[in-house]
Structures are given as structure tokens and as C-alpha cells.
PDB file of N, CA and C in Angstrom:
ATOM      1  N   MET A   1       0.738  -0.629  -0.158  1.00  0.00           N
ATOM      2  CA  MET A   1      -0.194  -0.394  -0.320  1.00  0.00           C
ATOM      3  C   MET A   1       0.872   1.516  -0.059  1.00  0.00           C
ATOM      4  N   ASN A   2       0.648   2.557  -0.650  1.00  0.00           N
ATOM      5  CA  ASN A   2       1.582   3.298  -0.942  1.00  0.00           C
ATOM      6  C   ASN A   2       0.701   4.611  -0.650  1.00  0.00           C
ATOM      7  N   GLU A   3       1.875   5.167   0.889  1.00  0.00           N
ATOM      8  CA  GLU A   3       1.068   6.203   1.077  1.00  0.00           C
ATOM      9  C   GLU A   3       1.274   7.438   0.163  1.00  0.00           C
ATOM     10  N   PRO A   4       0.195   8.921   0.115  1.00  0.00           N
ATOM     11  CA  PRO A   4       0.879  10.177  -0.376  1.00  0.00           C
ATOM     12  C   PRO A   4       1.939  10.506   0.084  1.00  0.00           C
ATOM     13  N   ILE A   5       2.774  10.746  -0.923  1.00  0.00           N
ATOM     14  CA  ILE A   5       3.889  11.539  -1.009  1.00  0.00           C
ATOM     15  C   ILE A   5       3.289  13.131  -0.063  1.00  0.00           C
ATOM     16  N   ALA A   6       4.038  13.537   0.897  1.00  0.00           N
ATOM     17  CA  ALA A   6       3.693  14.412   2.129  1.00  0.00           C
ATOM     18  C   ALA A   6       4.473  15.590   0.769  1.00  0.00           C
ATOM     19  N   ILE A   7       3.709  17.000   0.640  1.00  0.00           N
ATOM     20  CA  ILE A   7       4.361  17.850  -0.700  1.00  0.00           C
ATOM     21  C   ILE A   7       4.352  18.976   0.944  1.00  0.00           C
ATOM     22  N   PRO A   8       5.689  19.326   0.575  1.00  0.00           N
ATOM     23  CA  PRO A   8       6.394  20.926   2.079  1.00  0.00           C
ATOM     24  C   PRO A   8       5.951  21.944   0.957  1.00  0.00           C
ATOM     25  N   PRO A   9       5.258  22.621   1.650  1.00  0.00           N
ATOM     26  CA  PRO A   9       5.208  24.056   2.076  1.00  0.00           C
ATOM     27  C   PRO A   9       6.003  24.618   1.215  1.00  0.00           C
ATOM     28  N   PRO A  10       5.395  25.343   0.443  1.00  0.00           N
ATOM     29  CA  PRO A  10       6.148  26.723  -0.320  1.00  0.00           C
ATOM     30  C   PRO A  10       7.369  27.203   0.772  1.00  0.00           C
ATOM     31  N   LEU A  11       8.392  27.474   0.176  1.00  0.00           N
ATOM     32  CA  LEU A  11       9.633  28.475   0.827  1.00  0.00           C
ATOM     33  C   LEU A  11       9.186  29.462   0.994  1.00  0.00           C
ATOM     34  N   GLU A  12       9.372  30.116   2.034  1.00  0.00           N
ATOM     35  CA  GLU A  12       8.657  31.809   1.623  1.00  0.00           C
ATOM     36  C   GLU A  12      10.094  32.344   1.881  1.00  0.00           C
ATOM     37  N   LYS A  13       9.380  33.722   1.296  1.00  0.00           N
ATOM     38  CA  LYS A  13      10.338  34.182   0.790  1.00  0.00           C
ATOM     39  C   LYS A  13      10.686  35.780   1.646  1.00  0.00           C
ATOM     40  N   LEU A  14      11.983  36.661   1.189  1.00  0.00           N
ATOM     41  CA  LEU A  14      11.630  37.690   1.685  1.00  0.00           C
ATOM     42  C   LEU A  14      12.316  38.744   0.587  1.00  0.00           C
ATOM     43  N   GLY A  15      11.613  39.751  -0.447  1.00  0.00           N
ATOM     44  CA  GLY A  15      12.470  40.190  -1.457  1.00  0.00           C
ATOM     45  C   GLY A  15      12.948  41.081  -0.942  1.00  0.00           C
ATOM     46  N   THR A  16      14.087  41.222  -2.094  1.00  0.00           N
ATOM     47  CA  THR A  16      15.469  41.891  -1.682  1.00  0.00           C
ATOM     48  C   THR A  16      15.898  42.933  -1.781  1.00  0.00           C
ATOM     49  N   GLY A  17      14.403  43.554  -2.791  1.00  0.00           N
ATOM     50  CA  GLY A  17      14.601  44.976  -2.688  1.00  0.00           C
ATOM     51  C   GLY A  17      15.092  45.748  -4.097  1.00  0.00           C
ATOM     52  N   ILE A  18      16.080  44.162  -4.734  1.00  0.00           N
ATOM     53  CA  ILE A  18      16.777  44.466  -6.067  1.00  0.00           C
ATOM     54  C   ILE A  18      15.666  44.375  -7.129  1.00  0.00           C
ATOM     55  N   PRO A  19      14.978  44.321  -8.016  1.00  0.00           N
ATOM     56  CA  PRO A  19      14.042  43.766  -8.935  1.00  0.00           C
ATOM     57  C   PRO A  19      14.614  42.619  -9.299  1.00  0.00           C
ATOM     58  N   GLY A  20      15.729  42.979 -10.545  1.00  0.00           N
ATOM     59  CA  GLY A  20      16.466  41.268 -10.857  1.00  0.00           C
ATOM     60  C   GLY A  20      16.801  40.154 -10.610  1.00  0.00           C
ATOM     61  N   LEU A  21      17.104  40.758  -9.148  1.00  0.00           N
ATOM     62  CA  LEU A  21      17.714  39.636  -8.079  1.00  0.00           C
ATOM     63  C   LEU A  21      16.084  38.864  -7.580  1.00  0.00           C
ATOM     64  N   ASP A  22      15.415  39.423  -7.141  1.00  0.00           N
ATOM     65  CA  ASP A  22      14.350  38.508  -7.102  1.00  0.00           C
ATOM     66  C   ASP A  22      13.363  38.263  -8.097  1.00  0.00           C
ATOM     67  N   LEU A  23      13.274  38.446  -9.220  1.00  0.00           N
ATOM     68  CA  LEU A  23      13.357  37.802 -10.534  1.00  0.00           C
ATOM     69  C   LEU A  23      13.860  36.566 -10.193  1.00  0.00           C
ATOM     70  N   ILE A  24      15.236  36.676 -10.233  1.00  0.00           N
ATOM     71  CA  ILE A  24      15.678  35.188 -10.916  1.00  0.00           C
ATOM     72  C   ILE A  24      15.567  34.322  -9.584  1.00  0.00           C
ATOM     73  N   THR A  25      15.628  34.546  -7.812  1.00  0.00           N
ATOM     74  CA  THR A  25      15.464  34.152  -6.420  1.00  0.00           C
ATOM     75  C   THR A  25      14.312  33.487  -6.834  1.00  0.00           C
ATOM     76  N   GLU A  26      13.557  34.258  -7.900  1.00  0.00           N
ATOM     77  CA  GLU A  26      11.702  33.430  -7.262  1.00  0.00           C
ATOM     78  C   GLU A  26      11.004  34.411  -6.374  1.00  0.00           C
ATOM     79  N   GLY A  27      11.626  35.767  -5.868  1.00  0.00           N
ATOM     80  CA  GLY A  27      10.770  36.087  -4.909  1.00  0.00           C
ATOM     81  C   GLY A  27      11.687  36.558  -4.291  1.00  0.00           C
ATOM     82  N   GLY A  28      13.255  36.482  -3.879  1.00  0.00           N
ATOM     83  CA  GLY A  28      14.074  36.487  -3.330  1.00  0.00           C
ATOM     84  C   GLY A  28      14.038  36.022  -2.212  1.00  0.00           C
ATOM     85  N   LEU A  29      15.645  36.544  -1.483  1.00  0.00           N
ATOM     86  CA  LEU A  29      15.665  34.989  -0.843  1.00  0.00           C
ATOM     87  C   LEU A  29      15.224  34.098   0.536  1.00  0.00           C
ATOM     88  N   PRO A  30      15.923  33.272   0.936  1.00  0.00           N
ATOM     89  CA  PRO A  30      14.585  32.177   2.024  1.00  0.00           C
ATOM     90  C   PRO A  30      14.712  33.373   2.921  1.00  0.00           C
ATOM     91  N   LYS A  31      13.211  33.632   3.653  1.00  0.00           N
ATOM     92  CA  LYS A  31      12.999  34.338   5.481  1.00  0.00           C
ATOM     93  C   LYS A  31      13.670  33.713   5.705  1.00  0.00           C
ATOM     94  N   ASP A  32      13.793  33.861   6.947  1.00  0.00           N
ATOM     95  CA  ASP A  32      14.586  33.661   8.118  1.00  0.00           C
ATOM     96  C   ASP A  32      15.959  32.145   8.084  1.00  0.00           C
ATOM     97  N   ARG A  33      16.243  32.829   7.231  1.00  0.00           N
ATOM     98  CA  ARG A  33      17.657  31.389   6.536  1.00  0.00           C
ATOM     99  C   ARG A  33      18.798  33.324   6.797  1.00  0.00           C
ATOM    100  N   THR A  34      19.808  32.019   7.017  1.00  0.00           N
ATOM    101  CA  THR A  34      21.551  33.046   6.203  1.00  0.00           C
ATOM    102  C   THR A  34      21.310  32.819   5.183  1.00  0.00           C
ATOM    103  N   THR A  35      21.732  33.522   3.902  1.00  0.00           N
ATOM    104  CA  THR A  35      22.278  33.228   2.948  1.00  0.00           C
ATOM    105  C   THR A  35      24.149  33.943   2.782  1.00  0.00           C
ATOM    106  N   LEU A  36      25.125  32.968   2.249  1.00  0.00           N
ATOM    107  CA  LEU A  36      26.283  33.556   1.909  1.00  0.00           C
ATOM    108  C   LEU A  36      26.351  33.635   0.301  1.00  0.00           C
ATOM    109  N   VAL A  37      26.695  34.895   0.064  1.00  0.00           N
ATOM    110  CA  VAL A  37      27.650  34.973  -0.410  1.00  0.00           C
ATOM    111  C   VAL A  37      28.687  35.326  -0.824  1.00  0.00           C
ATOM    112  N   ALA A  38      29.184  34.295  -2.431  1.00  0.00           N
ATOM    113  CA  ALA A  38      30.493  33.880  -2.852  1.00  0.00           C
ATOM    114  C   ALA A  38      31.227  34.120  -4.107  1.00  0.00           C
ATOM    115  N   GLY A  39      32.215  33.922  -4.305  1.00  0.00           N
ATOM    116  CA  GLY A  39      32.426  33.981  -5.302  1.00  0.00           C
ATOM    117  C   GLY A  39      33.987  34.647  -5.649  1.00  0.00           C
ATOM    118  N   SER A  40      34.555  34.761  -6.378  1.00  0.00           N
ATOM    119  CA  SER A  40      35.793  34.980  -6.552  1.00  0.00           C
ATOM    120  C   SER A  40      36.151  36.215  -7.000  1.00  0.00           C
ATOM    121  N   ALA A  41      37.205  37.502  -6.906  1.00  0.00           N
ATOM    122  CA  ALA A  41      37.428  38.745  -7.062  1.00  0.00           C
ATOM    123  C   ALA A  41      37.015  39.286  -7.884  1.00  0.00           C
ATOM    124  N   GLY A  42      36.076  40.181  -8.219  1.00  0.00           N
ATOM    125  CA  GLY A  42      35.379  41.037  -9.357  1.00  0.00           C
ATOM    126  C   GLY A  42      34.500  40.886  -9.224  1.00  0.00           C
ATOM    127  N   SER A  43      33.667  39.253  -8.850  1.00  0.00           N
ATOM    128  CA  SER A  43      31.699  39.054  -9.497  1.00  0.00           C
ATOM    129  C   SER A  43      31.170  39.696  -8.542  1.00  0.00           C
ATOM    130  N   ALA A  44      31.428  40.847  -8.372  1.00  0.00           N
ATOM    131  CA  ALA A  44      30.164  41.702  -7.807  1.00  0.00           C
ATOM    132  C   ALA A  44      29.677  41.181  -6.233  1.00  0.00           C
ATOM    133  N   LYS A  45      30.681  41.119  -5.505  1.00  0.00           N
ATOM    134  CA  LYS A  45      30.048  40.757  -3.932  1.00  0.00           C
ATOM    135  C   LYS A  45      29.136  41.621  -3.279  1.00  0.00           C
ATOM    136  N   THR A  46      30.148  42.355  -3.755  1.00  0.00           N
ATOM    137  CA  THR A  46      30.057  44.188  -2.587  1.00  0.00           C
ATOM    138  C   THR A  46      29.094  45.047  -3.217  1.00  0.00           C
ATOM    139  N   VAL A  47      29.247  44.594  -4.574  1.00  0.00           N
ATOM    140  CA  VAL A  47      27.566  45.121  -5.743  1.00  0.00           C
ATOM    141  C   VAL A  47      26.831  44.573  -4.838  1.00  0.00           C
ATOM    142  N   LEU A  48      26.993  44.082  -4.812  1.00  0.00           N
ATOM    143  CA  LEU A  48      25.281  42.554  -4.515  1.00  0.00           C
ATOM    144  C   LEU A  48      25.261  43.781  -2.920  1.00  0.00           C
ATOM    145  N   ALA A  49      25.883  43.138  -2.185  1.00  0.00           N
ATOM    146  CA  ALA A  49      25.648  43.433  -1.035  1.00  0.00           C
ATOM    147  C   ALA A  49      25.479  45.039  -0.599  1.00  0.00           C
ATOM    148  N   SER A  50      25.951  45.870  -1.902  1.00  0.00           N
ATOM    149  CA  SER A  50      25.636  47.299  -1.389  1.00  0.00           C
ATOM    150  C   SER A  50      23.810  47.578  -1.495  1.00  0.00           C
ATOM    151  N   GLN A  51      23.678  46.895  -2.221  1.00  0.00           N
ATOM    152  CA  GLN A  51      22.551  47.444  -3.125  1.00  0.00           C
ATOM    153  C   GLN A  51      21.326  46.207  -2.656  1.00  0.00           C
ATOM    154  N   PHE A  52      21.880  45.725  -1.273  1.00  0.00           N
ATOM    155  CA  PHE A  52      21.285  44.725  -0.720  1.00  0.00           C
ATOM    156  C   PHE A  52      20.575  45.635   0.514  1.00  0.00           C
ATOM    157  N   LEU A  53      21.089  46.146   0.776  1.00  0.00           N
ATOM    158  CA  LEU A  53      22.260  47.036   2.304  1.00  0.00           C
ATOM    159  C   LEU A  53      21.023  48.674   1.967  1.00  0.00           C
ATOM    160  N   ALA A  54      21.560  49.585   0.774  1.00  0.00           N
ATOM    161  CA  ALA A  54      20.942  50.275   0.424  1.00  0.00           C
ATOM    162  C   ALA A  54      19.532  50.251   0.463  1.00  0.00           C
ATOM    163  N   ALA A  55      19.089  49.355  -0.378  1.00  0.00           N
ATOM    164  CA  ALA A  55      17.284  48.700  -0.805  1.00  0.00           C
ATOM    165  C   ALA A  55      16.540  48.198   0.540  1.00  0.00           C
ATOM    166  N   GLY A  56      17.131  47.787   1.837  1.00  0.00           N
ATOM    167  CA  GLY A  56      16.143  47.616   2.823  1.00  0.00           C
ATOM    168  C   GLY A  56      16.636  48.738   3.935  1.00  0.00           C
ATOM    169  N   ILE A  57      17.256  49.519   3.679  1.00  0.00           N
ATOM    170  CA  ILE A  57      17.606  51.194   4.774  1.00  0.00           C
ATOM    171  C   ILE A  57      16.589  51.715   3.973  1.00  0.00           C
ATOM    172  N   GLN A  58      16.866  52.435   2.692  1.00  0.00           N
ATOM    173  CA  GLN A  58      15.871  52.765   1.703  1.00  0.00           C
ATOM    174  C   GLN A  58      14.713  52.956   1.712  1.00  0.00           C
ATOM    175  N   LYS A  59      14.320  51.918   0.703  1.00  0.00           N
ATOM    176  CA  LYS A  59      12.920  51.420   0.812  1.00  0.00           C
ATOM    177  C   LYS A  59      11.928  50.915   2.033  1.00  0.00           C
ATOM    178  N   ALA A  60      12.896  49.787   2.673  1.00  0.00           N
ATOM    179  CA  ALA A  60      11.869  49.390   3.871  1.00  0.00           C
ATOM    180  C   ALA A  60      12.211  49.959   5.915  1.00  0.00           C
ATOM    181  N   ASN A  61      13.292  50.362   4.719  1.00  0.00           N
ATOM    182  CA  ASN A  61      13.067  51.121   6.620  1.00  0.00           C
ATOM    183  C   ASN A  61      13.891  49.923   7.872  1.00  0.00           C
ATOM    184  N   GLU A  62      14.435  49.209   7.161  1.00  0.00           N
ATOM    185  CA  GLU A  62      15.137  47.680   8.017  1.00  0.00           C
ATOM    186  C   GLU A  62      16.683  48.143   8.174  1.00  0.00           C
ATOM    187  N   PRO A  63      16.861  47.066   9.318  1.00  0.00           N
ATOM    188  CA  PRO A  63      18.516  47.340   9.487  1.00  0.00           C
ATOM    189  C   PRO A  63      19.192  45.970   8.949  1.00  0.00           C
ATOM    190  N   ARG A  64      19.947  46.030   8.538  1.00  0.00           N
ATOM    191  CA  ARG A  64      21.034  44.877   7.680  1.00  0.00           C
ATOM    192  C   ARG A  64      22.637  45.447   8.497  1.00  0.00           C
ATOM    193  N   VAL A  65      23.094  43.632   8.000  1.00  0.00           N
ATOM    194  CA  VAL A  65      24.365  43.746   8.395  1.00  0.00           C
ATOM    195  C   VAL A  65      25.370  43.309   6.997  1.00  0.00           C
ATOM    196  N   PHE A  66      26.942  44.081   6.790  1.00  0.00           N
ATOM    197  CA  PHE A  66      27.202  43.756   6.062  1.00  0.00           C
ATOM    198  C   PHE A  66      28.508  42.944   6.267  1.00  0.00           C
ATOM    199  N   VAL A  67      29.118  42.488   6.571  1.00  0.00           N
ATOM    200  CA  VAL A  67      30.143  41.433   6.934  1.00  0.00           C
ATOM    201  C   VAL A  67      31.336  41.113   5.570  1.00  0.00           C
ATOM    202  N   THR A  68      32.219  42.055   5.506  1.00  0.00           N
ATOM    203  CA  THR A  68      33.673  41.185   4.974  1.00  0.00           C
ATOM    204  C   THR A  68      35.496  41.481   5.935  1.00  0.00           C
ATOM    205  N   PHE A  69      35.909  40.574   5.143  1.00  0.00           N
ATOM    206  CA  PHE A  69      37.070  40.905   5.646  1.00  0.00           C
ATOM    207  C   PHE A  69      37.919  40.747   4.228  1.00  0.00           C
ATOM    208  N   GLU A  70      37.563  42.307   3.448  1.00  0.00           N
ATOM    209  CA  GLU A  70      38.635  42.087   2.693  1.00  0.00           C
ATOM    210  C   GLU A  70      38.168  43.355   2.335  1.00  0.00           C
ATOM    211  N   GLU A  71      37.906  44.513   2.218  1.00  0.00           N
ATOM    212  CA  GLU A  71      38.102  45.835   2.390  1.00  0.00           C
ATOM    213  C   GLU A  71      37.549  46.478   2.926  1.00  0.00           C
ATOM    214  N   PRO A  72      38.285  47.748   3.571  1.00  0.00           N
ATOM    215  CA  PRO A  72      38.568  48.279   4.488  1.00  0.00           C
ATOM    216  C   PRO A  72      37.318  49.077   4.812  1.00  0.00           C
ATOM    217  N   PRO A  73      36.292  49.999   5.853  1.00  0.00           N
ATOM    218  CA  PRO A  73      35.378  50.674   6.295  1.00  0.00           C
ATOM    219  C   PRO A  73      35.180  51.677   5.015  1.00  0.00           C
ATOM    220  N   ALA A  74      36.246  52.698   4.661  1.00  0.00           N
ATOM    221  CA  ALA A  74      36.150  53.964   3.877  1.00  0.00           C
ATOM    222  C   ALA A  74      35.781  53.602   2.660  1.00  0.00           C
ATOM    223  N   ASP A  75      36.171  52.059   2.198  1.00  0.00           N
ATOM    224  CA  ASP A  75      36.520  51.817   0.414  1.00  0.00           C
ATOM    225  C   ASP A  75      34.544  51.499   0.711  1.00  0.00           C
ATOM    226  N   ILE A  76      34.019  50.201   1.817  1.00  0.00           N
ATOM    227  CA  ILE A  76      32.606  50.430   1.870  1.00  0.00           C
ATOM    228  C   ILE A  76      31.841  51.271   2.084  1.00  0.00           C
ATOM    229  N   ARG A  77      32.351  52.549   2.356  1.00  0.00           N
ATOM    230  CA  ARG A  77      31.365  53.302   2.335  1.00  0.00           C
ATOM    231  C   ARG A  77      31.266  54.519   1.349  1.00  0.00           C
ATOM    232  N   ARG A  78      32.460  54.089   0.500  1.00  0.00           N
ATOM    233  CA  ARG A  78      32.208  55.079  -1.066  1.00  0.00           C
ATOM    234  C   ARG A  78      31.780  54.078  -1.811  1.00  0.00           C
ATOM    235  N   ASN A  79      31.891  52.992  -1.819  1.00  0.00           N
ATOM    236  CA  ASN A  79      30.803  52.049  -2.568  1.00  0.00           C
ATOM    237  C   ASN A  79      29.815  52.177  -2.373  1.00  0.00           C
ATOM    238  N   LEU A  80      28.742  52.458  -1.303  1.00  0.00           N
ATOM    239  CA  LEU A  80      27.588  52.520  -0.020  1.00  0.00           C
ATOM    240  C   LEU A  80      26.868  54.228  -1.002  1.00  0.00           C
ATOM    241  N   LEU A  81      27.683  54.903  -1.366  1.00  0.00           N
ATOM    242  CA  LEU A  81      27.469  56.860  -1.475  1.00  0.00           C
ATOM    243  C   LEU A  81      27.087  56.613  -2.721  1.00  0.00           C
ATOM    244  N   GLY A  82      27.672  55.605  -3.581  1.00  0.00           N
ATOM    245  CA  GLY A  82      26.973  54.939  -4.977  1.00  0.00           C
ATOM    246  C   GLY A  82      25.495  55.171  -5.266  1.00  0.00           C
ATOM    247  N   LEU A  83      25.154  54.520  -4.461  1.00  0.00           N
ATOM    248  CA  LEU A  83      23.952  53.954  -4.776  1.00  0.00           C
ATOM    249  C   LEU A  83      22.718  55.175  -3.874  1.00  0.00           C
ATOM    250  N   ALA A  84      23.527  55.771  -3.167  1.00  0.00           N
ATOM    251  CA  ALA A  84      22.354  56.958  -2.810  1.00  0.00           C
ATOM    252  C   ALA A  84      21.382  57.512  -4.141  1.00  0.00           C
TER     253      ALA A  84
END
């Protein structure tokens, strides 16, 4: 006797505020989960993180955290000013 297969509920997503990213991720990033952004030098990780931070602060008035081991704070601030 075969039991019916339980279908898990859809993964709840949180929009990033970046229209193109929300489109390709089908609604945003998984809600209440940690997302690691990884890639080689020059793959636009900092640009993505900066856009995510700016969108959350400007559009949703949400706190956001940016962690980096590579770039000094002055460089990060200069990158973020370009999104204002």
C-alpha cells in the first residue's frame, strides 16, 4: 500500500528590493535563513551586498548587516555613497 507523498509547504521568501535579483530568485531570498554570497574577486559580491543594504534601508526601513574580511570601511562607505 503506497502512502501519499507529503508535499512540503513552499519556501517563504523575503524580497531583496533588487528587482532583477528577486526575479531570478523567484521572489527573493529564503526568509529567516542566512544567505552566504561567495565568489571570486571581481564577481560583484560587494555591489550585490551594497544594493541589498541600500534597498533595505531606503525602501523598507530595515536594519541590515554587511560583513567583509577584505575591504576597509572607507572603501565600503565610498561604494555605498554611489547608490544613494
